[in-house]
C-alpha atoms as a PDB file:
ATOM      1  CA  UNK A   1       2.554   1.619  -4.145  1.00  0.00           C
ATOM      2  CA  UNK A   2       5.972   1.971  -2.507  1.00  0.00           C
ATOM      3  CA  UNK A   3       8.934   0.148  -4.023  1.00  0.00           C
ATOM      4  CA  UNK A   4      10.155  -2.875  -1.996  1.00  0.00           C
ATOM      5  CA  UNK A   5      13.568  -1.297  -1.309  1.00  0.00           C
ATOM      6  CA  UNK A   6      11.928   1.788   0.200  1.00  0.00           C
ATOM      7  CA  UNK A   7       9.700  -0.340   2.440  1.00  0.00           C
ATOM      8  CA  UNK A   8      12.741  -2.314   3.585  1.00  0.00           C
ATOM      9  CA  UNK A   9      14.719   0.891   4.276  1.00  0.00           C
ATOM     10  CA  UNK A  10      11.825   2.356   6.305  1.00  0.00           C
ATOM     11  CA  UNK A  11      11.347  -0.886   8.251  1.00  0.00           C
ATOM     12  CA  UNK A  12      15.052  -1.117   9.067  1.00  0.00           C
ATOM     13  CA  UNK A  13      15.068   2.509  10.261  1.00  0.00           C
ATOM     14  CA  UNK A  14      12.112   1.896  12.594  1.00  0.00           C
ATOM     15  CA  UNK A  15      13.607  -1.344  13.926  1.00  0.00           C
ATOM     16  CA  UNK A  16      16.949   0.323  14.699  1.00  0.00           C
ATOM     17  CA  UNK A  17      16.473   0.648  18.471  1.00  0.00           C
ATOM     18  CA  UNK A  18      14.431  -2.525  19.070  1.00  0.00           C
ATOM     19  CA  UNK A  19      16.080  -5.494  20.776  1.00  0.00           C
ATOM     20  CA  UNK A  20      15.357  -9.183  20.331  1.00  0.00           C
ATOM     21  CA  UNK A  21      14.226  -9.251  23.969  1.00  0.00           C
ATOM     22  CA  UNK A  22      11.630  -6.500  23.398  1.00  0.00           C
ATOM     23  CA  UNK A  23       9.930  -8.498  20.670  1.00  0.00           C
ATOM     24  CA  UNK A  24      10.357 -11.871  22.392  1.00  0.00           C
ATOM     25  CA  UNK A  25       8.960 -10.627  25.706  1.00  0.00           C
ATOM     26  CA  UNK A  26       5.899  -9.257  23.907  1.00  0.00           C
ATOM     27  CA  UNK A  27       5.279 -12.544  22.089  1.00  0.00           C
ATOM     28  CA  UNK A  28       6.006 -14.737  25.119  1.00  0.00           C
ATOM     29  CA  UNK A  29       5.414 -12.858  28.379  1.00  0.00           C
ATOM     30  CA  UNK A  30       6.528 -15.974  30.263  1.00  0.00           C
ATOM     31  CA  UNK A  31       9.738 -17.888  29.481  1.00  0.00           C
ATOM     32  CA  UNK A  32      10.589 -15.760  26.431  1.00  0.00           C
ATOM     33  CA  UNK A  33      14.262 -16.770  26.532  1.00  0.00           C
ATOM     34  CA  UNK A  34      13.381 -20.445  26.020  1.00  0.00           C
ATOM     35  CA  UNK A  35      10.346 -20.076  23.775  1.00  0.00           C
ATOM     36  CA  UNK A  36      11.876 -17.537  21.337  1.00  0.00           C
ATOM     37  CA  UNK A  37      14.462 -19.956  19.836  1.00  0.00           C
ATOM     38  CA  UNK A  38      11.632 -22.484  19.354  1.00  0.00           C
ATOM     39  CA  UNK A  39       9.624 -19.885  17.396  1.00  0.00           C
ATOM     40  CA  UNK A  40      12.606 -19.118  15.148  1.00  0.00           C
ATOM     41  CA  UNK A  41      13.169 -22.833  14.511  1.00  0.00           C
ATOM     42  CA  UNK A  42       9.492 -23.368  13.740  1.00  0.00           C
ATOM     43  CA  UNK A  43       9.472 -20.515  11.207  1.00  0.00           C
ATOM     44  CA  UNK A  44      12.673 -21.785   9.601  1.00  0.00           C
ATOM     45  CA  UNK A  45      11.107 -25.231   9.243  1.00  0.00           C
ATOM     46  CA  UNK A  46       7.828 -23.868   7.863  1.00  0.00           C
ATOM     47  CA  UNK A  47       9.701 -21.833   5.248  1.00  0.00           C
ATOM     48  CA  UNK A  48      11.890 -24.754   4.182  1.00  0.00           C
ATOM     49  CA  UNK A  49      11.027 -25.444   0.528  1.00  0.00           C
ATOM     50  CA  UNK A  50      11.372 -29.193   1.062  1.00  0.00           C
ATOM     51  CA  UNK A  51       8.678 -29.298   3.760  1.00  0.00           C
ATOM     52  CA  UNK A  52       4.981 -29.628   2.850  1.00  0.00           C
ATOM     53  CA  UNK A  53       2.915 -26.677   4.097  1.00  0.00           C
ATOM     54  CA  UNK A  54      -0.736 -26.916   3.148  1.00  0.00           C
ATOM     55  CA  UNK A  55      -1.858 -24.910   6.172  1.00  0.00           C
ATOM     56  CA  UNK A  56      -0.965 -21.370   7.194  1.00  0.00           C
ATOM     57  CA  UNK A  57       1.743 -20.709   9.733  1.00  0.00           C
ATOM     58  CA  UNK A  58       0.418 -18.925  12.797  1.00  0.00           C
ATOM     59  CA  UNK A  59       2.830 -16.152  13.739  1.00  0.00           C
ATOM     60  CA  UNK A  60       2.348 -14.591  17.171  1.00  0.00           C
ATOM     61  CA  UNK A  61       2.753 -10.803  17.183  1.00  0.00           C
ATOM     62  CA  UNK A  62       4.167  -8.951  20.170  1.00  0.00           C
ATOM     63  CA  UNK A  63       2.521  -5.558  20.017  1.00  0.00           C
ATOM     64  CA  UNK A  64       5.953  -3.964  20.563  1.00  0.00           C
ATOM     65  CA  UNK A  65       5.690  -2.484  17.056  1.00  0.00           C
ATOM     66  CA  UNK A  66       2.804  -1.641  14.787  1.00  0.00           C
ATOM     67  CA  UNK A  67       1.358  -4.844  13.344  1.00  0.00           C
ATOM     68  CA  UNK A  68       2.312  -3.873   9.810  1.00  0.00           C
ATOM     69  CA  UNK A  69       5.926  -3.179  10.825  1.00  0.00           C
ATOM     70  CA  UNK A  70       6.185  -6.377  12.836  1.00  0.00           C
ATOM     71  CA  UNK A  71       4.874  -8.416   9.893  1.00  0.00           C
ATOM     72  CA  UNK A  72       7.380  -6.609   7.653  1.00  0.00           C
ATOM     73  CA  UNK A  73      10.182  -7.604  10.028  1.00  0.00           C
ATOM     74  CA  UNK A  74       9.217 -11.277   9.764  1.00  0.00           C
ATOM     75  CA  UNK A  75       8.951 -11.098   5.972  1.00  0.00           C
ATOM     76  CA  UNK A  76      12.403  -9.492   5.836  1.00  0.00           C
ATOM     77  CA  UNK A  77      13.768 -12.235   8.071  1.00  0.00           C
ATOM     78  CA  UNK A  78      12.237 -14.996   5.974  1.00  0.00           C
ATOM     79  CA  UNK A  79      13.571 -13.460   2.772  1.00  0.00           C
ATOM     80  CA  UNK A  80      17.031 -12.487   4.052  1.00  0.00           C
ATOM     81  CA  UNK A  81      19.894 -12.780   1.663  1.00  0.00           C
ATOM     82  CA  UNK A  82      21.505 -16.163   1.345  1.00  0.00           C
ATOM     83  CA  UNK A  83      18.631 -18.010   2.999  1.00  0.00           C
ATOM     84  CA  UNK A  84      16.959 -20.691   0.916  1.00  0.00           C
ATOM     85  CA  UNK A  85      13.349 -20.144   1.838  1.00  0.00           C
ATOM     86  CA  UNK A  86       9.898 -20.780   0.524  1.00  0.00           C
ATOM     87  CA  UNK A  87       8.287 -17.490  -0.380  1.00  0.00           C
ATOM     88  CA  UNK A  88       5.365 -16.173   1.649  1.00  0.00           C
ATOM     89  CA  UNK A  89       2.539 -15.777  -0.874  1.00  0.00           C
ATOM     90  CA  UNK A  90      -0.130 -14.293   1.374  1.00  0.00           C
ATOM     91  CA  UNK A  91      -0.485 -12.719   4.812  1.00  0.00           C
ATOM     92  CA  UNK A  92      -3.572 -12.064   6.892  1.00  0.00           C
ATOM     93  CA  UNK A  93      -3.608 -10.061  10.127  1.00  0.00           C
ATOM     94  CA  UNK A  94      -5.911  -7.555  11.723  1.00  0.00           C
ATOM     95  CA  UNK A  95      -4.734  -3.993  12.205  1.00  0.00           C
ATOM     96  CA  UNK A  96      -5.525  -3.563  15.890  1.00  0.00           C
ATOM     97  CA  UNK A  97      -2.685  -2.666  18.229  1.00  0.00           C
ATOM     98  CA  UNK A  98      -1.257  -4.887  20.936  1.00  0.00           C
ATOM     99  CA  UNK A  99      -0.370  -8.569  20.843  1.00  0.00           C
ATOM    100  CA  UNK A 100      -2.056 -10.610  18.156  1.00  0.00           C
ATOM    101  CA  UNK A 101      -1.261 -12.986  15.340  1.00  0.00           C
ATOM    102  CA  UNK A 102      -0.665 -13.113  11.649  1.00  0.00           C
ATOM    103  CA  UNK A 103      -1.217 -16.020   9.293  1.00  0.00           C
ATOM    104  CA  UNK A 104       1.498 -16.685   6.734  1.00  0.00           C
ATOM    105  CA  UNK A 105       0.366 -18.560   3.647  1.00  0.00           C
ATOM    106  CA  UNK A 106       2.871 -20.422   1.472  1.00  0.00           C
ATOM    107  CA  UNK A 107       0.385 -20.449  -1.415  1.00  0.00           C
ATOM    108  CA  UNK A 108      -1.927 -17.942  -3.082  1.00  0.00           C
ATOM    109  CA  UNK A 109      -4.741 -16.746  -0.864  1.00  0.00           C
ATOM    110  CA  UNK A 110      -8.245 -18.070  -1.406  1.00  0.00           C
ATOM    111  CA  UNK A 111     -11.475 -16.224  -0.645  1.00  0.00           C
ATOM    112  CA  UNK A 112     -12.237 -18.467   2.330  1.00  0.00           C
ATOM    113  CA  UNK A 113      -8.825 -17.881   3.971  1.00  0.00           C
ATOM    114  CA  UNK A 114     -10.143 -14.846   5.805  1.00  0.00           C
ATOM    115  CA  UNK A 115     -12.159 -17.270   7.960  1.00  0.00           C
ATOM    116  CA  UNK A 116      -8.886 -18.592   9.404  1.00  0.00           C
ATOM    117  CA  UNK A 117      -8.168 -15.142  10.802  1.00  0.00           C
ATOM    118  CA  UNK A 118     -11.560 -15.057  12.505  1.00  0.00           C
ATOM    119  CA  UNK A 119     -11.137 -18.495  14.105  1.00  0.00           C
ATOM    120  CA  UNK A 120      -9.864 -18.782  17.678  1.00  0.00           C
ATOM    121  CA  UNK A 121      -6.087 -19.458  17.653  1.00  0.00           C
ATOM    122  CA  UNK A 122      -6.598 -23.038  18.822  1.00  0.00           C
ATOM    123  CA  UNK A 123      -8.694 -23.802  15.726  1.00  0.00           C
ATOM    124  CA  UNK A 124      -6.139 -22.645  13.145  1.00  0.00           C
ATOM    125  CA  UNK A 125      -3.972 -25.618  12.245  1.00  0.00           C
ATOM    126  CA  UNK A 126      -0.242 -25.152  12.709  1.00  0.00           C
ATOM    127  CA  UNK A 127       2.015 -25.726   9.714  1.00  0.00           C
ATOM    128  CA  UNK A 128       4.188 -28.009  11.786  1.00  0.00           C
ATOM    129  CA  UNK A 129       4.312 -29.169  15.389  1.00  0.00           C
ATOM    130  CA  UNK A 130       5.954 -26.674  17.708  1.00  0.00           C
ATOM    131  CA  UNK A 131       9.457 -27.715  18.688  1.00  0.00           C
ATOM    132  CA  UNK A 132      10.244 -28.257  22.349  1.00  0.00           C
ATOM    133  CA  UNK A 133      11.454 -25.258  24.283  1.00  0.00           C
ATOM    134  CA  UNK A 134      15.172 -24.757  23.906  1.00  0.00           C
ATOM    135  CA  UNK A 135      17.789 -23.810  26.434  1.00  0.00           C
ATOM    136  CA  UNK A 136      17.964 -20.114  27.192  1.00  0.00           C
ATOM    137  CA  UNK A 137      20.428 -18.362  24.927  1.00  0.00           C
ATOM    138  CA  UNK A 138      23.656 -17.423  26.655  1.00  0.00           C
ATOM    139  CA  UNK A 139      24.138 -14.299  24.554  1.00  0.00           C
ATOM    140  CA  UNK A 140      22.293 -12.256  22.003  1.00  0.00           C
ATOM    141  CA  UNK A 141      18.914 -11.780  23.644  1.00  0.00           C
ATOM    142  CA  UNK A 142      19.716  -8.102  24.168  1.00  0.00           C
ATOM    143  CA  UNK A 143      21.151  -7.689  20.673  1.00  0.00           C
ATOM    144  CA  UNK A 144      19.414  -5.504  18.097  1.00  0.00           C
ATOM    145  CA  UNK A 145      16.471  -7.114  16.353  1.00  0.00           C
ATOM    146  CA  UNK A 146      18.083  -6.167  13.037  1.00  0.00           C
ATOM    147  CA  UNK A 147      20.818  -8.724  13.744  1.00  0.00           C
ATOM    148  CA  UNK A 148      18.260 -11.442  12.940  1.00  0.00           C
ATOM    149  CA  UNK A 149      18.038 -10.135   9.386  1.00  0.00           C
ATOM    150  CA  UNK A 150      21.653 -10.971   8.629  1.00  0.00           C
ATOM    151  CA  UNK A 151      21.985 -14.292  10.455  1.00  0.00           C
END
């Protein structure tokens, strides 16, 4: 098993040339500039330790990166330094390429959790209601994806 620091170093190296727009456009082919901030807000809310989260958080994946690397990016973002976040305890995703989804669990995984991954996306309960679309960002959409790890 690789040490966590090595995984983080490898992930950061692979993410070096990727922009926020590349990931956002893959997740939201239409209206990415307005839907992306809503996704970030939703994840921040779901990882807030004061919020109840009995259900998994459905995380759309873009397909711009390998699924494993994209999931690693989100874990790095949720665990970034200085952020007070609930810890992701379990992750389920399939290893196919292209757009998809991952399920983030804020509790230990149970044997029956794999069924959530097999369910159509509409049948997996969201951890919290999706926020309304936000105004398009005026700057930063073309910034490096790594910038989201220090914000």
